[in-house]
Amino acid sequence: MSKSAAEMVTDAKGRVENLTVEEVAAELSAGDAVVVDVREAEEVSAGKIPGSVHIPRGMLEFRADPTSAYHQDPLDPSRRVILHCAGGGRSALAAAALQDMGYENVAHLDGGFNAWKDAGQPVE
């Protein structure tokens, strides 16, 4: 039986760490995490979380794989990685994919960039 996209997101959110805006802001302040924005380029052009690294969702696994020719720093399986998209669906799927790749300290921003912006957090 096939799954809908919504069911896949629900499953992913059930197995990854879901962070609030306040929790992500605290981790950014502490400097302990890399925040990865998995939105498309046209979405990022409207604003982004300061200090975040843009890696479109379609390239994430290639950028996250240290053995890939497309690997991108600062992605490292030993590092704390927090992903976000616009609303939290793509980033939940992305966090689950990184877990499948061996990333053990990965989470996503539940509510995504929209929640970040609505909470009055800084935007570049």
N, C-alpha and C. Protein backbone atom coordinates (compact mmCIF):
# COMPACT_ATOMS: atom_id res chain seq x y z
N MET A 1 0.84 -1.19 0.00
CA MET A 1 0.00 0.00 0.00
C MET A 1 0.88 1.24 0.00
N SER A 2 0.52 2.21 -0.79
CA SER A 2 1.33 3.42 -0.89
C SER A 2 0.98 4.41 0.22
N LYS A 3 1.90 5.33 0.46
CA LYS A 3 1.72 6.37 1.47
C LYS A 3 1.57 7.71 0.76
N SER A 4 0.79 8.58 1.36
CA SER A 4 0.69 9.95 0.85
C SER A 4 1.88 10.76 1.38
N ALA A 5 2.09 11.91 0.78
CA ALA A 5 3.16 12.80 1.24
C ALA A 5 2.91 13.20 2.70
N ALA A 6 1.65 13.48 3.03
CA ALA A 6 1.31 13.86 4.40
C ALA A 6 1.63 12.73 5.38
N GLU A 7 1.37 11.51 5.00
CA GLU A 7 1.70 10.37 5.87
C GLU A 7 3.20 10.22 6.03
N MET A 8 3.95 10.45 4.96
CA MET A 8 5.41 10.38 5.06
C MET A 8 5.95 11.45 6.00
N VAL A 9 5.40 12.66 5.93
CA VAL A 9 5.83 13.74 6.84
C VAL A 9 5.48 13.38 8.28
N THR A 10 4.29 12.86 8.50
CA THR A 10 3.90 12.45 9.85
C THR A 10 4.84 11.38 10.40
N ASP A 11 5.16 10.40 9.57
CA ASP A 11 6.11 9.36 9.99
C ASP A 11 7.46 9.96 10.33
N ALA A 12 7.96 10.86 9.48
CA ALA A 12 9.27 11.48 9.72
C ALA A 12 9.26 12.28 11.02
N LYS A 13 8.20 13.05 11.25
CA LYS A 13 8.12 13.84 12.48
C LYS A 13 8.06 12.95 13.72
N GLY A 14 7.58 11.72 13.55
CA GLY A 14 7.53 10.79 14.67
C GLY A 14 8.87 10.18 15.02
N ARG A 15 9.84 10.30 14.12
CA ARG A 15 11.15 9.70 14.41
C ARG A 15 12.31 10.68 14.45
N VAL A 16 12.04 11.97 14.21
CA VAL A 16 13.10 12.97 14.31
C VAL A 16 12.79 13.93 15.46
N GLU A 17 13.81 14.67 15.84
CA GLU A 17 13.63 15.68 16.89
C GLU A 17 12.99 16.92 16.29
N ASN A 18 11.84 17.31 16.84
CA ASN A 18 11.09 18.49 16.38
C ASN A 18 11.36 19.63 17.35
N LEU A 19 11.99 20.69 16.85
CA LEU A 19 12.36 21.82 17.70
C LEU A 19 11.42 23.00 17.51
N THR A 20 11.22 23.75 18.58
CA THR A 20 10.46 24.99 18.52
C THR A 20 11.39 26.11 18.04
N VAL A 21 10.79 27.23 17.69
CA VAL A 21 11.57 28.41 17.32
C VAL A 21 12.52 28.79 18.44
N GLU A 22 12.02 28.78 19.66
CA GLU A 22 12.84 29.18 20.82
C GLU A 22 14.03 28.24 21.01
N GLU A 23 13.82 26.95 20.80
CA GLU A 23 14.91 25.99 20.95
C GLU A 23 15.97 26.19 19.87
N VAL A 24 15.54 26.46 18.64
CA VAL A 24 16.50 26.71 17.55
C VAL A 24 17.27 28.01 17.83
N ALA A 25 16.58 29.04 18.25
CA ALA A 25 17.24 30.31 18.57
C ALA A 25 18.29 30.12 19.66
N ALA A 26 17.98 29.33 20.67
CA ALA A 26 18.93 29.07 21.77
C ALA A 26 20.15 28.32 21.25
N GLU A 27 19.94 27.33 20.39
CA GLU A 27 21.08 26.58 19.85
C GLU A 27 21.94 27.46 18.94
N LEU A 28 21.30 28.35 18.19
CA LEU A 28 22.07 29.28 17.36
C LEU A 28 22.90 30.22 18.22
N SER A 29 22.30 30.72 19.29
CA SER A 29 23.02 31.62 20.21
C SER A 29 24.22 30.93 20.84
N ALA A 30 24.06 29.66 21.15
CA ALA A 30 25.15 28.90 21.77
C ALA A 30 26.23 28.54 20.76
N GLY A 31 25.91 28.63 19.47
CA GLY A 31 26.90 28.33 18.44
C GLY A 31 27.21 26.85 18.29
N ASP A 32 26.30 26.02 18.75
CA ASP A 32 26.57 24.58 18.74
C ASP A 32 26.07 23.86 17.50
N ALA A 33 25.30 24.52 16.65
CA ALA A 33 24.65 23.82 15.55
C ALA A 33 24.83 24.54 14.23
N VAL A 34 24.75 23.76 13.17
CA VAL A 34 24.65 24.33 11.83
C VAL A 34 23.18 24.24 11.43
N VAL A 35 22.63 25.34 10.93
CA VAL A 35 21.25 25.37 10.48
C VAL A 35 21.26 25.31 8.96
N VAL A 36 20.53 24.33 8.43
CA VAL A 36 20.47 24.11 6.98
C VAL A 36 19.07 24.43 6.48
N ASP A 37 19.01 25.33 5.52
CA ASP A 37 17.78 25.76 4.88
C ASP A 37 17.59 24.92 3.62
N VAL A 38 16.56 24.07 3.59
CA VAL A 38 16.35 23.17 2.46
C VAL A 38 15.32 23.71 1.46
N ARG A 39 14.95 24.97 1.59
CA ARG A 39 13.99 25.57 0.65
C ARG A 39 14.65 25.78 -0.72
N GLU A 40 13.83 26.07 -1.70
CA GLU A 40 14.33 26.37 -3.04
C GLU A 40 14.91 27.78 -3.06
N ALA A 41 15.76 28.05 -4.04
CA ALA A 41 16.46 29.33 -4.12
C ALA A 41 15.51 30.52 -4.13
N GLU A 42 14.41 30.41 -4.86
CA GLU A 42 13.47 31.53 -4.92
C GLU A 42 12.82 31.80 -3.57
N GLU A 43 12.68 30.79 -2.73
CA GLU A 43 12.14 30.99 -1.39
C GLU A 43 13.16 31.69 -0.50
N VAL A 44 14.42 31.31 -0.63
CA VAL A 44 15.49 31.89 0.19
C VAL A 44 15.69 33.36 -0.14
N SER A 45 15.44 33.73 -1.38
CA SER A 45 15.64 35.13 -1.79
C SER A 45 14.71 36.09 -1.04
N ALA A 46 13.64 35.57 -0.45
CA ALA A 46 12.72 36.40 0.33
C ALA A 46 13.17 36.57 1.77
N GLY A 47 14.25 35.90 2.16
CA GLY A 47 14.78 36.02 3.52
C GLY A 47 15.22 34.67 4.04
N LYS A 48 16.16 34.72 5.00
CA LYS A 48 16.66 33.47 5.59
C LYS A 48 17.07 33.70 7.03
N ILE A 49 17.22 32.60 7.75
CA ILE A 49 17.69 32.67 9.13
C ILE A 49 19.17 33.04 9.09
N PRO A 50 19.58 34.08 9.82
CA PRO A 50 20.98 34.49 9.79
C PRO A 50 21.93 33.34 10.13
N GLY A 51 22.94 33.20 9.31
CA GLY A 51 23.95 32.16 9.53
C GLY A 51 23.59 30.80 8.97
N SER A 52 22.39 30.66 8.43
CA SER A 52 21.99 29.36 7.89
C SER A 52 22.70 29.08 6.56
N VAL A 53 22.83 27.79 6.26
CA VAL A 53 23.46 27.34 5.03
C VAL A 53 22.35 26.86 4.11
N HIS A 54 22.36 27.34 2.87
CA HIS A 54 21.32 26.92 1.93
C HIS A 54 21.76 25.69 1.16
N ILE A 55 20.98 24.62 1.28
CA ILE A 55 21.17 23.40 0.49
C ILE A 55 19.78 22.95 0.07
N PRO A 56 19.43 23.11 -1.20
CA PRO A 56 18.09 22.71 -1.63
C PRO A 56 17.82 21.25 -1.31
N ARG A 57 16.58 20.94 -0.98
CA ARG A 57 16.20 19.58 -0.58
C ARG A 57 16.65 18.53 -1.59
N GLY A 58 16.57 18.84 -2.85
CA GLY A 58 16.93 17.87 -3.87
C GLY A 58 18.41 17.50 -3.90
N MET A 59 19.26 18.29 -3.29
CA MET A 59 20.71 18.02 -3.26
C MET A 59 21.22 17.59 -1.89
N LEU A 60 20.33 17.54 -0.90
CA LEU A 60 20.77 17.33 0.48
C LEU A 60 21.62 16.08 0.67
N GLU A 61 21.15 14.94 0.20
CA GLU A 61 21.88 13.70 0.44
C GLU A 61 23.27 13.74 -0.20
N PHE A 62 23.39 14.35 -1.36
CA PHE A 62 24.69 14.47 -2.03
C PHE A 62 25.62 15.43 -1.28
N ARG A 63 25.07 16.54 -0.79
CA ARG A 63 25.87 17.51 -0.03
C ARG A 63 26.26 16.97 1.34
N ALA A 64 25.42 16.09 1.90
CA ALA A 64 25.67 15.56 3.24
C ALA A 64 26.63 14.38 3.26
N ASP A 65 26.85 13.76 2.13
CA ASP A 65 27.71 12.57 2.05
C ASP A 65 29.17 12.98 1.90
N PRO A 66 29.99 12.76 2.94
CA PRO A 66 31.40 13.16 2.86
C PRO A 66 32.17 12.48 1.73
N THR A 67 31.66 11.37 1.19
CA THR A 67 32.36 10.68 0.10
C THR A 67 31.90 11.16 -1.27
N SER A 68 30.92 12.04 -1.32
CA SER A 68 30.37 12.53 -2.59
C SER A 68 31.19 13.69 -3.13
N ALA A 69 31.31 13.76 -4.43
CA ALA A 69 31.97 14.90 -5.07
C ALA A 69 31.20 16.20 -4.82
N TYR A 70 29.94 16.08 -4.42
CA TYR A 70 29.09 17.25 -4.16
C TYR A 70 29.03 17.64 -2.69
N HIS A 71 29.83 16.95 -1.84
CA HIS A 71 29.79 17.23 -0.40
C HIS A 71 30.01 18.71 -0.14
N GLN A 72 29.30 19.22 0.86
CA GLN A 72 29.41 20.63 1.21
C GLN A 72 29.68 20.78 2.70
N ASP A 73 30.73 21.51 3.02
CA ASP A 73 30.95 21.89 4.41
C ASP A 73 29.88 22.90 4.77
N PRO A 74 29.43 22.97 5.96
CA PRO A 74 29.89 22.32 7.18
C PRO A 74 29.11 21.06 7.55
N LEU A 75 28.49 20.39 6.59
CA LEU A 75 27.78 19.15 6.92
C LEU A 75 28.76 18.07 7.30
N ASP A 76 28.52 17.51 8.47
CA ASP A 76 29.40 16.49 9.04
C ASP A 76 28.54 15.61 9.94
N PRO A 77 28.58 14.30 9.75
CA PRO A 77 27.74 13.41 10.56
C PRO A 77 27.98 13.51 12.07
N SER A 78 29.12 14.06 12.48
CA SER A 78 29.40 14.17 13.92
C SER A 78 28.91 15.50 14.50
N ARG A 79 28.37 16.36 13.68
CA ARG A 79 27.96 17.70 14.11
C ARG A 79 26.46 17.80 14.33
N ARG A 80 26.03 18.72 15.16
CA ARG A 80 24.61 19.01 15.36
C ARG A 80 24.10 19.73 14.11
N VAL A 81 23.05 19.18 13.48
CA VAL A 81 22.47 19.75 12.28
C VAL A 81 20.98 19.97 12.51
N ILE A 82 20.54 21.20 12.25
CA ILE A 82 19.11 21.54 12.36
C ILE A 82 18.66 21.98 10.97
N LEU A 83 17.63 21.33 10.46
CA LEU A 83 17.12 21.65 9.14
C LEU A 83 15.83 22.44 9.24
N HIS A 84 15.57 23.25 8.22
CA HIS A 84 14.27 23.92 8.16
C HIS A 84 13.89 24.15 6.71
N CYS A 85 12.59 24.26 6.50
CA CYS A 85 12.03 24.63 5.20
C CYS A 85 11.04 25.76 5.48
N ALA A 86 10.02 25.89 4.68
CA ALA A 86 9.05 26.96 4.91
C ALA A 86 8.09 26.62 6.05
N GLY A 87 7.57 25.38 6.06
CA GLY A 87 6.56 25.04 7.05
C GLY A 87 6.85 23.84 7.92
N GLY A 88 7.88 23.07 7.61
CA GLY A 88 8.26 21.94 8.45
C GLY A 88 8.11 20.58 7.83
N GLY A 89 7.47 20.47 6.68
CA GLY A 89 7.31 19.17 6.05
C GLY A 89 8.57 18.67 5.38
N ARG A 90 9.13 19.47 4.51
CA ARG A 90 10.36 19.07 3.80
C ARG A 90 11.51 18.86 4.76
N SER A 91 11.59 19.71 5.79
CA SER A 91 12.71 19.57 6.73
C SER A 91 12.57 18.32 7.59
N ALA A 92 11.35 17.90 7.90
CA ALA A 92 11.17 16.65 8.64
C ALA A 92 11.64 15.47 7.79
N LEU A 93 11.25 15.47 6.51
CA LEU A 93 11.70 14.42 5.59
C LEU A 93 13.22 14.45 5.45
N ALA A 94 13.78 15.65 5.37
CA ALA A 94 15.23 15.80 5.22
C ALA A 94 15.97 15.31 6.46
N ALA A 95 15.45 15.61 7.64
CA ALA A 95 16.07 15.15 8.89
C ALA A 95 16.05 13.62 8.95
N ALA A 96 14.95 13.03 8.54
CA ALA A 96 14.85 11.56 8.53
C ALA A 96 15.86 10.97 7.55
N ALA A 97 16.04 11.62 6.40
CA ALA A 97 17.02 11.15 5.41
C ALA A 97 18.43 11.21 5.98
N LEU A 98 18.77 12.30 6.68
CA LEU A 98 20.10 12.40 7.28
C LEU A 98 20.30 11.34 8.35
N GLN A 99 19.26 11.06 9.13
CA GLN A 99 19.37 9.97 10.11
C GLN A 99 19.68 8.66 9.40
N ASP A 100 19.00 8.41 8.29
CA ASP A 100 19.25 7.19 7.52
C ASP A 100 20.69 7.13 7.02
N MET A 101 21.31 8.28 6.84
CA MET A 101 22.69 8.36 6.36
C MET A 101 23.71 8.28 7.50
N GLY A 102 23.24 8.18 8.74
CA GLY A 102 24.16 8.05 9.86
C GLY A 102 24.34 9.31 10.69
N TYR A 103 23.64 10.37 10.35
CA TYR A 103 23.69 11.58 11.18
C TYR A 103 22.89 11.29 12.44
N GLU A 104 23.54 11.38 13.59
CA GLU A 104 22.88 11.02 14.84
C GLU A 104 22.35 12.21 15.62
N ASN A 105 22.83 13.42 15.33
CA ASN A 105 22.44 14.60 16.10
C ASN A 105 21.77 15.60 15.17
N VAL A 106 20.63 15.18 14.65
CA VAL A 106 19.91 15.97 13.66
C VAL A 106 18.50 16.27 14.15
N ALA A 107 17.98 17.43 13.79
CA ALA A 107 16.63 17.85 14.17
C ALA A 107 16.09 18.76 13.07
N HIS A 108 14.83 19.15 13.25
CA HIS A 108 14.27 20.12 12.31
C HIS A 108 13.42 21.12 13.06
N LEU A 109 13.26 22.28 12.45
CA LEU A 109 12.46 23.37 13.01
C LEU A 109 11.00 23.12 12.64
N ASP A 110 10.21 22.71 13.61
CA ASP A 110 8.79 22.46 13.38
C ASP A 110 8.11 23.81 13.12
N GLY A 111 7.41 23.90 12.01
CA GLY A 111 6.80 25.17 11.62
C GLY A 111 7.66 25.95 10.65
N GLY A 112 8.92 25.57 10.54
CA GLY A 112 9.83 26.13 9.54
C GLY A 112 10.08 27.63 9.63
N PHE A 113 10.51 28.17 8.49
CA PHE A 113 10.85 29.58 8.40
C PHE A 113 9.64 30.46 8.69
N ASN A 114 8.46 30.00 8.31
CA ASN A 114 7.25 30.79 8.58
C ASN A 114 7.07 30.99 10.09
N ALA A 115 7.27 29.94 10.87
CA ALA A 115 7.15 30.07 12.33
C ALA A 115 8.24 30.97 12.89
N TRP A 116 9.45 30.84 12.34
CA TRP A 116 10.59 31.68 12.76
C TRP A 116 10.25 33.16 12.56
N LYS A 117 9.80 33.47 11.37
CA LYS A 117 9.47 34.86 11.03
C LYS A 117 8.29 35.36 11.85
N ASP A 118 7.24 34.54 11.99
CA ASP A 118 6.06 34.92 12.77
C ASP A 118 6.38 35.16 14.24
N ALA A 119 7.43 34.51 14.75
CA ALA A 119 7.85 34.69 16.15
C ALA A 119 8.70 35.95 16.34
N GLY A 120 8.97 36.66 15.24
CA GLY A 120 9.74 37.89 15.35
C GLY A 120 11.24 37.67 15.44
N GLN A 121 11.71 36.49 15.07
CA GLN A 121 13.15 36.22 15.09
C GLN A 121 13.83 36.95 13.93
N PRO A 122 15.14 37.19 14.03
CA PRO A 122 15.84 37.93 12.98
C PRO A 122 15.85 37.19 11.64
N VAL A 123 15.78 37.98 10.58
CA VAL A 123 15.80 37.45 9.21
C VAL A 123 16.78 38.27 8.40
N GLU A 124 17.59 37.59 7.59
CA GLU A 124 18.51 38.30 6.68
C GLU A 124 17.81 38.48 5.35
